[in-house]
Amino acid sequence: MAVRERYEPRRDKGRYLEKSLLAVLGVLAALRDRPGESGRRDRVRPELKLASTFMLILLVSLSRNSLFIEAAAAVELGLLCLFRGEVIARVLRKVAAAAVFAAAVFLPAFLWGRGGNVLFLLGKVLLAVLAAAIFSAATPWTSVTEAFSRLRVPDVFVMTLDMTIKYISLLGGLVLNMLYALKLRSVGRNERKMHSLAAIAGTLFLKSRDAAVTQYQAMECRCFSGTYRITRASAWSPFDAGLAALDAVLAAAFFALGAWR
């Protein structure tokens, strides 16, 4: 009792916890923060933005004309300029990651001397990814399901997409809390990191099962028949007309240039 007690726990590397926390936070930020993106692009109907994105990706993938590819790139870069700086940086990071992956896939063909159109194909891949990233950044997740409903997509697909998005957010918050609790309780060196992660995975499975049963019972109590009802769309705005006109110009340029040949 006369000797002062000094307990110094051994230092441990907690990079696995930090990376897990950052990964979960990134997913939750992508799901929850995007509805705050205000601006003119939010005044466009979500179903029109979705149809425009599909059309642009289809035309770019079918095109064999470099002039049309350049025109599509100019349109996408012009739309990208409507966002704030941090949103542009986030979109460009996604495009850069897709560029690295596509370059790694095309590299063997280029090294074997069979990659004469590698740059052309790489440009098409980047434009397709950029179009999807612009739509993702400009449209809240709640509006995505609404867009699919207005485009007469089967209700089973809409329900699956809607529930997937909601439960990713719900279970992601649960995982985040468990990782925070694990980090606060980790004192000194933990030799059983994988055991802790396995316990988190097991708890997450049980919680997701309970949530699924509760969701099913709530749907039964409310006599849910599998039909999604959405509110009637408002009248077309000038922004809707502008996007529709831009789509018409791109489609006309595609056929005028004979880009499919």
C-alpha atoms as a PDB file:
ATOM      1  CA  MET A   1       0.000   0.000   0.000  1.00  0.00           C
ATOM      2  CA  ALA A   2       2.970   2.275   0.459  1.00  0.00           C
ATOM      3  CA  VAL A   3       3.996   1.924  -3.163  1.00  0.00           C
ATOM      4  CA  ARG A   4       2.175   4.041  -5.730  1.00  0.00           C
ATOM      5  CA  GLU A   5       0.380   1.922  -8.317  1.00  0.00           C
ATOM      6  CA  ARG A   6       1.102   2.814 -11.926  1.00  0.00           C
ATOM      7  CA  TYR A   7      -0.684   0.755 -14.517  1.00  0.00           C
ATOM      8  CA  GLU A   8       0.412   1.391 -18.081  1.00  0.00           C
ATOM      9  CA  PRO A   9      -1.416  -0.814 -20.584  1.00  0.00           C
ATOM     10  CA  ARG A  10       0.504  -2.039 -23.563  1.00  0.00           C
ATOM     11  CA  ARG A  11      -0.058  -0.060 -26.694  1.00  0.00           C
ATOM     12  CA  ASP A  12      -2.149  -1.704 -29.378  1.00  0.00           C
ATOM     13  CA  LYS A  13      -2.784  -0.975 -33.017  1.00  0.00           C
ATOM     14  CA  GLY A  14      -6.402  -0.036 -33.559  1.00  0.00           C
ATOM     15  CA  ARG A  15      -6.337   0.598 -37.268  1.00  0.00           C
ATOM     16  CA  TYR A  16      -8.937  -2.109 -37.894  1.00  0.00           C
ATOM     17  CA  LEU A  17     -11.426  -0.242 -35.690  1.00  0.00           C
ATOM     18  CA  GLU A  18     -10.633   3.130 -37.228  1.00  0.00           C
ATOM     19  CA  LYS A  19     -11.015   1.805 -40.758  1.00  0.00           C
ATOM     20  CA  SER A  20     -14.295   0.123 -39.851  1.00  0.00           C
ATOM     21  CA  LEU A  21     -15.624   3.318 -38.297  1.00  0.00           C
ATOM     22  CA  LEU A  22     -14.607   5.388 -41.313  1.00  0.00           C
ATOM     23  CA  ALA A  23     -16.203   2.901 -43.706  1.00  0.00           C
ATOM     24  CA  VAL A  24     -19.519   2.896 -41.813  1.00  0.00           C
ATOM     25  CA  LEU A  25     -19.471   6.679 -41.474  1.00  0.00           C
ATOM     26  CA  GLY A  26     -18.873   7.010 -45.216  1.00  0.00           C
ATOM     27  CA  VAL A  27     -21.900   4.865 -46.051  1.00  0.00           C
ATOM     28  CA  LEU A  28     -24.137   6.718 -43.590  1.00  0.00           C
ATOM     29  CA  ALA A  29     -22.950  10.084 -44.893  1.00  0.00           C
ATOM     30  CA  ALA A  30     -23.765   9.045 -48.448  1.00  0.00           C
ATOM     31  CA  LEU A  31     -27.281   8.035 -47.396  1.00  0.00           C
ATOM     32  CA  ARG A  32     -28.142  10.869 -45.030  1.00  0.00           C
ATOM     33  CA  ASP A  33     -26.249  13.968 -46.121  1.00  0.00           C
ATOM     34  CA  ARG A  34     -27.170  14.087 -49.782  1.00  0.00           C
ATOM     35  CA  PRO A  35     -30.774  15.361 -49.379  1.00  0.00           C
ATOM     36  CA  GLY A  36     -29.278  18.677 -48.260  1.00  0.00           C
ATOM     37  CA  GLU A  37     -27.931  19.353 -51.734  1.00  0.00           C
ATOM     38  CA  SER A  38     -30.053  22.307 -52.743  1.00  0.00           C
ATOM     39  CA  GLY A  39     -30.004  24.108 -56.037  1.00  0.00           C
ATOM     40  CA  ARG A  40     -31.607  24.207 -59.445  1.00  0.00           C
ATOM     41  CA  ARG A  41     -30.832  20.581 -60.167  1.00  0.00           C
ATOM     42  CA  ASP A  42     -33.199  19.578 -57.299  1.00  0.00           C
ATOM     43  CA  ARG A  43     -36.103  21.228 -59.104  1.00  0.00           C
ATOM     44  CA  VAL A  44     -35.989  18.645 -61.870  1.00  0.00           C
ATOM     45  CA  ARG A  45     -38.268  15.637 -61.673  1.00  0.00           C
ATOM     46  CA  PRO A  46     -36.395  12.589 -60.338  1.00  0.00           C
ATOM     47  CA  GLU A  47     -37.905  10.305 -62.983  1.00  0.00           C
ATOM     48  CA  LEU A  48     -36.674  12.678 -65.700  1.00  0.00           C
ATOM     49  CA  LYS A  49     -33.173  12.695 -64.239  1.00  0.00           C
ATOM     50  CA  LEU A  50     -33.206   8.901 -64.026  1.00  0.00           C
ATOM     51  CA  ALA A  51     -34.401   8.487 -67.622  1.00  0.00           C
ATOM     52  CA  SER A  52     -31.833  11.030 -68.834  1.00  0.00           C
ATOM     53  CA  THR A  53     -29.043   9.182 -67.048  1.00  0.00           C
ATOM     54  CA  PHE A  54     -30.041   5.842 -68.561  1.00  0.00           C
ATOM     55  CA  MET A  55     -30.314   7.393 -72.019  1.00  0.00           C
ATOM     56  CA  LEU A  56     -26.920   9.072 -71.764  1.00  0.00           C
ATOM     57  CA  ILE A  57     -25.190   5.875 -70.587  1.00  0.00           C
ATOM     58  CA  LEU A  58     -26.872   3.896 -73.376  1.00  0.00           C
ATOM     59  CA  LEU A  59     -25.877   6.367 -76.103  1.00  0.00           C
ATOM     60  CA  VAL A  60     -22.299   6.574 -74.848  1.00  0.00           C
ATOM     61  CA  SER A  61     -21.968   2.785 -74.684  1.00  0.00           C
ATOM     62  CA  LEU A  62     -23.335   2.367 -78.228  1.00  0.00           C
ATOM     63  CA  SER A  63     -21.369   5.223 -79.750  1.00  0.00           C
ATOM     64  CA  ARG A  64     -18.386   4.599 -82.030  1.00  0.00           C
ATOM     65  CA  ASN A  65     -17.914   8.255 -82.902  1.00  0.00           C
ATOM     66  CA  SER A  66     -15.312  10.255 -81.008  1.00  0.00           C
ATOM     67  CA  LEU A  67     -17.103  13.542 -81.786  1.00  0.00           C
ATOM     68  CA  PHE A  68     -20.249  12.383 -79.997  1.00  0.00           C
ATOM     69  CA  ILE A  69     -18.162  11.185 -77.042  1.00  0.00           C
ATOM     70  CA  GLU A  70     -16.617  14.651 -76.813  1.00  0.00           C
ATOM     71  CA  ALA A  71     -20.068  16.250 -76.938  1.00  0.00           C
ATOM     72  CA  ALA A  72     -21.337  13.962 -74.165  1.00  0.00           C
ATOM     73  CA  ALA A  73     -18.257  14.788 -72.084  1.00  0.00           C
ATOM     74  CA  ALA A  74     -18.910  18.502 -72.533  1.00  0.00           C
ATOM     75  CA  VAL A  75     -22.525  18.078 -71.399  1.00  0.00           C
ATOM     76  CA  GLU A  76     -21.571  16.065 -68.320  1.00  0.00           C
ATOM     77  CA  LEU A  77     -18.826  18.479 -67.301  1.00  0.00           C
ATOM     78  CA  GLY A  78     -21.254  21.370 -67.719  1.00  0.00           C
ATOM     79  CA  LEU A  79     -23.750  19.651 -65.424  1.00  0.00           C
ATOM     80  CA  LEU A  80     -20.986  18.900 -62.941  1.00  0.00           C
ATOM     81  CA  CYS A  81     -20.170  22.607 -62.723  1.00  0.00           C
ATOM     82  CA  LEU A  82     -23.615  23.248 -61.190  1.00  0.00           C
ATOM     83  CA  PHE A  83     -22.558  21.552 -57.941  1.00  0.00           C
ATOM     84  CA  ARG A  84     -20.632  22.945 -55.009  1.00  0.00           C
ATOM     85  CA  GLY A  85     -16.899  22.427 -54.762  1.00  0.00           C
ATOM     86  CA  GLU A  86     -16.978  19.609 -52.182  1.00  0.00           C
ATOM     87  CA  VAL A  87     -19.594  17.724 -54.189  1.00  0.00           C
ATOM     88  CA  ILE A  88     -17.503  18.058 -57.350  1.00  0.00           C
ATOM     89  CA  ALA A  89     -14.467  16.719 -55.477  1.00  0.00           C
ATOM     90  CA  ARG A  90     -16.478  13.729 -54.208  1.00  0.00           C
ATOM     91  CA  VAL A  91     -17.749  12.927 -57.703  1.00  0.00           C
ATOM     92  CA  LEU A  92     -14.286  13.217 -59.222  1.00  0.00           C
ATOM     93  CA  ARG A  93     -12.863  10.858 -56.594  1.00  0.00           C
ATOM     94  CA  LYS A  94     -15.380   8.226 -57.643  1.00  0.00           C
ATOM     95  CA  VAL A  95     -14.511   8.753 -61.310  1.00  0.00           C
ATOM     96  CA  ALA A  96     -10.784   8.540 -60.522  1.00  0.00           C
ATOM     97  CA  ALA A  97     -11.293   5.225 -58.706  1.00  0.00           C
ATOM     98  CA  ALA A  98     -13.234   3.889 -61.692  1.00  0.00           C
ATOM     99  CA  ALA A  99     -10.448   5.099 -64.010  1.00  0.00           C
ATOM    100  CA  VAL A 100      -7.787   3.210 -62.051  1.00  0.00           C
ATOM    101  CA  PHE A 101      -9.870   0.025 -62.025  1.00  0.00           C
ATOM    102  CA  ALA A 102     -10.678   0.244 -65.750  1.00  0.00           C
ATOM    103  CA  ALA A 103      -7.043   0.951 -66.607  1.00  0.00           C
ATOM    104  CA  ALA A 104      -5.975  -2.132 -64.647  1.00  0.00           C
ATOM    105  CA  VAL A 105      -8.512  -4.231 -66.574  1.00  0.00           C
ATOM    106  CA  PHE A 106      -7.427  -2.885 -69.978  1.00  0.00           C
ATOM    107  CA  LEU A 107      -3.699  -3.028 -69.223  1.00  0.00           C
ATOM    108  CA  PRO A 108      -3.111  -6.648 -70.359  1.00  0.00           C
ATOM    109  CA  ALA A 109      -4.730  -5.969 -73.743  1.00  0.00           C
ATOM    110  CA  PHE A 110      -2.594  -2.856 -74.157  1.00  0.00           C
ATOM    111  CA  LEU A 111       0.628  -4.706 -73.269  1.00  0.00           C
ATOM    112  CA  TRP A 112      -0.143  -7.528 -75.710  1.00  0.00           C
ATOM    113  CA  GLY A 113      -0.577  -5.020 -78.521  1.00  0.00           C
ATOM    114  CA  ARG A 114      -4.330  -5.501 -78.860  1.00  0.00           C
ATOM    115  CA  GLY A 115      -5.417  -2.300 -77.189  1.00  0.00           C
ATOM    116  CA  GLY A 116      -5.818   0.032 -80.133  1.00  0.00           C
ATOM    117  CA  ASN A 117      -9.113   1.351 -78.757  1.00  0.00           C
ATOM    118  CA  VAL A 118      -8.180   1.238 -75.078  1.00  0.00           C
ATOM    119  CA  LEU A 119      -8.306   5.005 -74.620  1.00  0.00           C
ATOM    120  CA  PHE A 120     -11.633   5.209 -76.424  1.00  0.00           C
ATOM    121  CA  LEU A 121     -13.128   2.449 -74.274  1.00  0.00           C
ATOM    122  CA  LEU A 122     -11.665   3.997 -71.135  1.00  0.00           C
ATOM    123  CA  GLY A 123     -13.284   7.319 -71.998  1.00  0.00           C
ATOM    124  CA  LYS A 124     -16.669   5.646 -72.431  1.00  0.00           C
ATOM    125  CA  VAL A 125     -16.337   3.928 -69.062  1.00  0.00           C
ATOM    126  CA  LEU A 126     -15.453   7.205 -67.353  1.00  0.00           C
ATOM    127  CA  LEU A 127     -18.400   9.017 -68.955  1.00  0.00           C
ATOM    128  CA  ALA A 128     -20.805   6.287 -67.846  1.00  0.00           C
ATOM    129  CA  VAL A 129     -19.474   6.409 -64.285  1.00  0.00           C
ATOM    130  CA  LEU A 130     -19.578  10.218 -64.293  1.00  0.00           C
ATOM    131  CA  ALA A 131     -23.215  10.227 -65.436  1.00  0.00           C
ATOM    132  CA  ALA A 132     -24.194   7.814 -62.664  1.00  0.00           C
ATOM    133  CA  ALA A 133     -22.234   9.808 -60.081  1.00  0.00           C
ATOM    134  CA  ILE A 134     -23.904  13.067 -61.139  1.00  0.00           C
ATOM    135  CA  PHE A 135     -27.337  11.488 -60.804  1.00  0.00           C
ATOM    136  CA  SER A 136     -26.410  10.036 -57.415  1.00  0.00           C
ATOM    137  CA  ALA A 137     -25.131  13.381 -56.141  1.00  0.00           C
ATOM    138  CA  ALA A 138     -28.147  15.333 -57.415  1.00  0.00           C
ATOM    139  CA  THR A 139     -30.917  12.979 -56.272  1.00  0.00           C
ATOM    140  CA  PRO A 140     -31.811  12.022 -52.679  1.00  0.00           C
ATOM    141  CA  TRP A 141     -32.301   8.316 -52.068  1.00  0.00           C
ATOM    142  CA  THR A 142     -35.965   8.878 -51.233  1.00  0.00           C
ATOM    143  CA  SER A 143     -36.479  10.415 -54.659  1.00  0.00           C
ATOM    144  CA  VAL A 144     -34.774   7.480 -56.392  1.00  0.00           C
ATOM    145  CA  THR A 145     -37.529   5.070 -55.343  1.00  0.00           C
ATOM    146  CA  GLU A 146     -40.101   7.667 -56.352  1.00  0.00           C
ATOM    147  CA  ALA A 147     -38.488   7.930 -59.780  1.00  0.00           C
ATOM    148  CA  PHE A 148     -38.636   4.168 -60.311  1.00  0.00           C
ATOM    149  CA  SER A 149     -42.304   4.164 -59.301  1.00  0.00           C
ATOM    150  CA  ARG A 150     -43.177   6.934 -61.745  1.00  0.00           C
ATOM    151  CA  LEU A 151     -41.388   5.060 -64.525  1.00  0.00           C
ATOM    152  CA  ARG A 152     -43.723   2.066 -63.943  1.00  0.00           C
ATOM    153  CA  VAL A 153     -41.013  -0.201 -62.584  1.00  0.00           C
ATOM    154  CA  PRO A 154     -42.558  -3.267 -60.845  1.00  0.00           C
ATOM    155  CA  ASP A 155     -43.465  -2.609 -57.231  1.00  0.00           C
ATOM    156  CA  VAL A 156     -41.432  -5.612 -56.058  1.00  0.00           C
ATOM    157  CA  PHE A 157     -38.241  -3.981 -57.285  1.00  0.00           C
ATOM    158  CA  VAL A 158     -39.193  -0.600 -55.791  1.00  0.00           C
ATOM    159  CA  MET A 159     -40.034  -2.179 -52.426  1.00  0.00           C
ATOM    160  CA  THR A 160     -36.753  -4.121 -52.374  1.00  0.00           C
ATOM    161  CA  LEU A 161     -34.734  -1.002 -53.203  1.00  0.00           C
ATOM    162  CA  ASP A 162     -36.576   1.134 -50.659  1.00  0.00           C
ATOM    163  CA  MET A 163     -36.220  -1.367 -47.818  1.00  0.00           C
ATOM    164  CA  THR A 164     -32.557  -2.004 -48.668  1.00  0.00           C
ATOM    165  CA  ILE A 165     -31.712   1.691 -48.437  1.00  0.00           C
ATOM    166  CA  LYS A 166     -33.598   2.131 -45.154  1.00  0.00           C
ATOM    167  CA  TYR A 167     -32.049  -0.910 -43.511  1.00  0.00           C
ATOM    168  CA  ILE A 168     -28.538   0.000 -44.630  1.00  0.00           C
ATOM    169  CA  SER A 169     -28.997   3.273 -42.761  1.00  0.00           C
ATOM    170  CA  LEU A 170     -30.613   1.606 -39.735  1.00  0.00           C
ATOM    171  CA  LEU A 171     -28.142  -1.278 -39.388  1.00  0.00           C
ATOM    172  CA  GLY A 172     -25.237   1.018 -40.234  1.00  0.00           C
ATOM    173  CA  GLY A 173     -26.082   3.171 -37.226  1.00  0.00           C
ATOM    174  CA  LEU A 174     -26.250   0.047 -35.075  1.00  0.00           C
ATOM    175  CA  VAL A 175     -22.830  -1.144 -36.275  1.00  0.00           C
ATOM    176  CA  LEU A 176     -21.409   2.321 -35.663  1.00  0.00           C
ATOM    177  CA  ASN A 177     -22.601   2.308 -32.049  1.00  0.00           C
ATOM    178  CA  MET A 178     -21.187  -1.186 -31.461  1.00  0.00           C
ATOM    179  CA  LEU A 179     -17.812  -0.206 -32.931  1.00  0.00           C
ATOM    180  CA  TYR A 180     -17.711   2.888 -30.718  1.00  0.00           C
ATOM    181  CA  ALA A 181     -18.519   0.730 -27.670  1.00  0.00           C
ATOM    182  CA  LEU A 182     -15.806  -1.765 -28.629  1.00  0.00           C
ATOM    183  CA  LYS A 183     -13.237   0.995 -29.031  1.00  0.00           C
ATOM    184  CA  LEU A 184     -14.117   2.560 -25.663  1.00  0.00           C
ATOM    185  CA  ARG A 185     -13.783  -0.808 -23.923  1.00  0.00           C
ATOM    186  CA  SER A 186     -10.501  -1.757 -25.605  1.00  0.00           C
ATOM    187  CA  VAL A 187      -7.766  -1.130 -23.012  1.00  0.00           C
ATOM    188  CA  GLY A 188      -4.265  -2.290 -23.790  1.00  0.00           C
ATOM    189  CA  ARG A 189      -3.475  -4.918 -26.382  1.00  0.00           C
ATOM    190  CA  ASN A 190      -6.382  -6.968 -27.681  1.00  0.00           C
ATOM    191  CA  GLU A 191      -5.237 -10.322 -29.023  1.00  0.00           C
ATOM    192  CA  ARG A 192      -8.746 -11.395 -30.053  1.00  0.00           C
ATOM    193  CA  LYS A 193      -9.730  -8.757 -32.578  1.00  0.00           C
ATOM    194  CA  MET A 194     -11.369 -11.217 -34.938  1.00  0.00           C
ATOM    195  CA  HIS A 195     -13.437 -12.634 -32.078  1.00  0.00           C
ATOM    196  CA  SER A 196     -14.779  -9.133 -31.364  1.00  0.00           C
ATOM    197  CA  LEU A 197     -15.664  -8.572 -35.024  1.00  0.00           C
ATOM    198  CA  ALA A 198     -17.368 -11.976 -35.156  1.00  0.00           C
ATOM    199  CA  ALA A 199     -19.446 -11.006 -32.114  1.00  0.00           C
ATOM    200  CA  ILE A 200     -20.480  -7.766 -33.830  1.00  0.00           C
ATOM    201  CA  ALA A 201     -21.450  -9.679 -36.977  1.00  0.00           C
ATOM    202  CA  GLY A 202     -23.529 -12.144 -34.956  1.00  0.00           C
ATOM    203  CA  THR A 203     -25.308  -9.365 -33.063  1.00  0.00           C
ATOM    204  CA  LEU A 204     -25.998  -7.559 -36.326  1.00  0.00           C
ATOM    205  CA  PHE A 205     -27.520 -10.714 -37.814  1.00  0.00           C
ATOM    206  CA  LEU A 206     -29.847 -11.172 -34.827  1.00  0.00           C
ATOM    207  CA  LYS A 207     -30.879  -7.508 -34.859  1.00  0.00           C
ATOM    208  CA  SER A 208     -31.566  -7.615 -38.606  1.00  0.00           C
ATOM    209  CA  ARG A 209     -33.678 -10.744 -38.171  1.00  0.00           C
ATOM    210  CA  ASP A 210     -35.733  -9.113 -35.405  1.00  0.00           C
ATOM    211  CA  ALA A 211     -36.155  -5.984 -37.537  1.00  0.00           C
ATOM    212  CA  ALA A 212     -37.313  -8.071 -40.514  1.00  0.00           C
ATOM    213  CA  VAL A 213     -39.916  -9.882 -38.391  1.00  0.00           C
ATOM    214  CA  THR A 214     -41.161  -6.584 -36.951  1.00  0.00           C
ATOM    215  CA  GLN A 215     -41.338  -5.061 -40.431  1.00  0.00           C
ATOM    216  CA  TYR A 216     -43.347  -8.025 -41.731  1.00  0.00           C
ATOM    217  CA  GLN A 217     -45.792  -7.864 -38.827  1.00  0.00           C
ATOM    218  CA  ALA A 218     -46.241  -4.111 -39.292  1.00  0.00           C
ATOM    219  CA  MET A 219     -46.954  -4.610 -43.005  1.00  0.00           C
ATOM    220  CA  GLU A 220     -49.528  -7.278 -42.152  1.00  0.00           C
ATOM    221  CA  CYS A 221     -51.236  -5.048 -39.576  1.00  0.00           C
ATOM    222  CA  ARG A 222     -51.466  -2.209 -42.111  1.00  0.00           C
ATOM    223  CA  CYS A 223     -52.800  -4.539 -44.848  1.00  0.00           C
ATOM    224  CA  PHE A 224     -49.897  -3.788 -47.161  1.00  0.00           C
ATOM    225  CA  SER A 225     -50.636  -5.343 -50.543  1.00  0.00           C
ATOM    226  CA  GLY A 226     -47.296  -4.695 -52.227  1.00  0.00           C
ATOM    227  CA  THR A 227     -48.492  -1.619 -54.134  1.00  0.00           C
ATOM    228  CA  TYR A 228     -46.556   1.622 -53.807  1.00  0.00           C
ATOM    229  CA  ARG A 229     -48.707   4.730 -54.064  1.00  0.00           C
ATOM    230  CA  ILE A 230     -47.032   7.987 -54.921  1.00  0.00           C
ATOM    231  CA  THR A 231     -48.368  11.494 -55.075  1.00  0.00           C
ATOM    232  CA  ARG A 232     -49.384  12.984 -58.374  1.00  0.00           C
ATOM    233  CA  ALA A 233     -46.551  14.758 -60.142  1.00  0.00           C
ATOM    234  CA  SER A 234     -46.698  18.534 -60.356  1.00  0.00           C
ATOM    235  CA  ALA A 235     -46.677  20.500 -63.602  1.00  0.00           C
ATOM    236  CA  TRP A 236     -43.513  20.662 -65.651  1.00  0.00           C
ATOM    237  CA  SER A 237     -41.084  23.388 -64.654  1.00  0.00           C
ATOM    238  CA  PRO A 238     -38.681  25.278 -66.942  1.00  0.00           C
ATOM    239  CA  PHE A 239     -35.856  23.135 -65.516  1.00  0.00           C
ATOM    240  CA  ASP A 240     -37.674  19.968 -66.598  1.00  0.00           C
ATOM    241  CA  ALA A 241     -38.153  21.400 -70.065  1.00  0.00           C
ATOM    242  CA  GLY A 242     -34.485  22.379 -70.239  1.00  0.00           C
ATOM    243  CA  LEU A 243     -33.283  18.885 -69.348  1.00  0.00           C
ATOM    244  CA  ALA A 244     -35.725  17.301 -71.801  1.00  0.00           C
ATOM    245  CA  ALA A 245     -34.480  19.635 -74.543  1.00  0.00           C
ATOM    246  CA  LEU A 246     -30.878  18.709 -73.733  1.00  0.00           C
ATOM    247  CA  ASP A 247     -31.771  15.020 -74.010  1.00  0.00           C
ATOM    248  CA  ALA A 248     -33.420  15.640 -77.371  1.00  0.00           C
ATOM    249  CA  VAL A 249     -30.327  17.464 -78.647  1.00  0.00           C
ATOM    250  CA  LEU A 250     -28.043  14.619 -77.565  1.00  0.00           C
ATOM    251  CA  ALA A 251     -30.282  11.993 -79.175  1.00  0.00           C
ATOM    252  CA  ALA A 252     -30.464  14.033 -82.395  1.00  0.00           C
ATOM    253  CA  ALA A 253     -26.667  14.412 -82.441  1.00  0.00           C
ATOM    254  CA  PHE A 254     -26.264  10.672 -81.952  1.00  0.00           C
ATOM    255  CA  PHE A 255     -28.384   9.851 -84.995  1.00  0.00           C
ATOM    256  CA  ALA A 256     -27.137  12.786 -87.085  1.00  0.00           C
ATOM    257  CA  LEU A 257     -23.507  11.755 -86.619  1.00  0.00           C
ATOM    258  CA  GLY A 258     -24.281   8.081 -87.198  1.00  0.00           C
ATOM    259  CA  ALA A 259     -22.478   7.352 -83.964  1.00  0.00           C
ATOM    260  CA  TRP A 260     -23.620   3.732 -83.849  1.00  0.00           C
ATOM    261  CA  ARG A 261     -21.705   2.827 -87.034  1.00  0.00           C
END
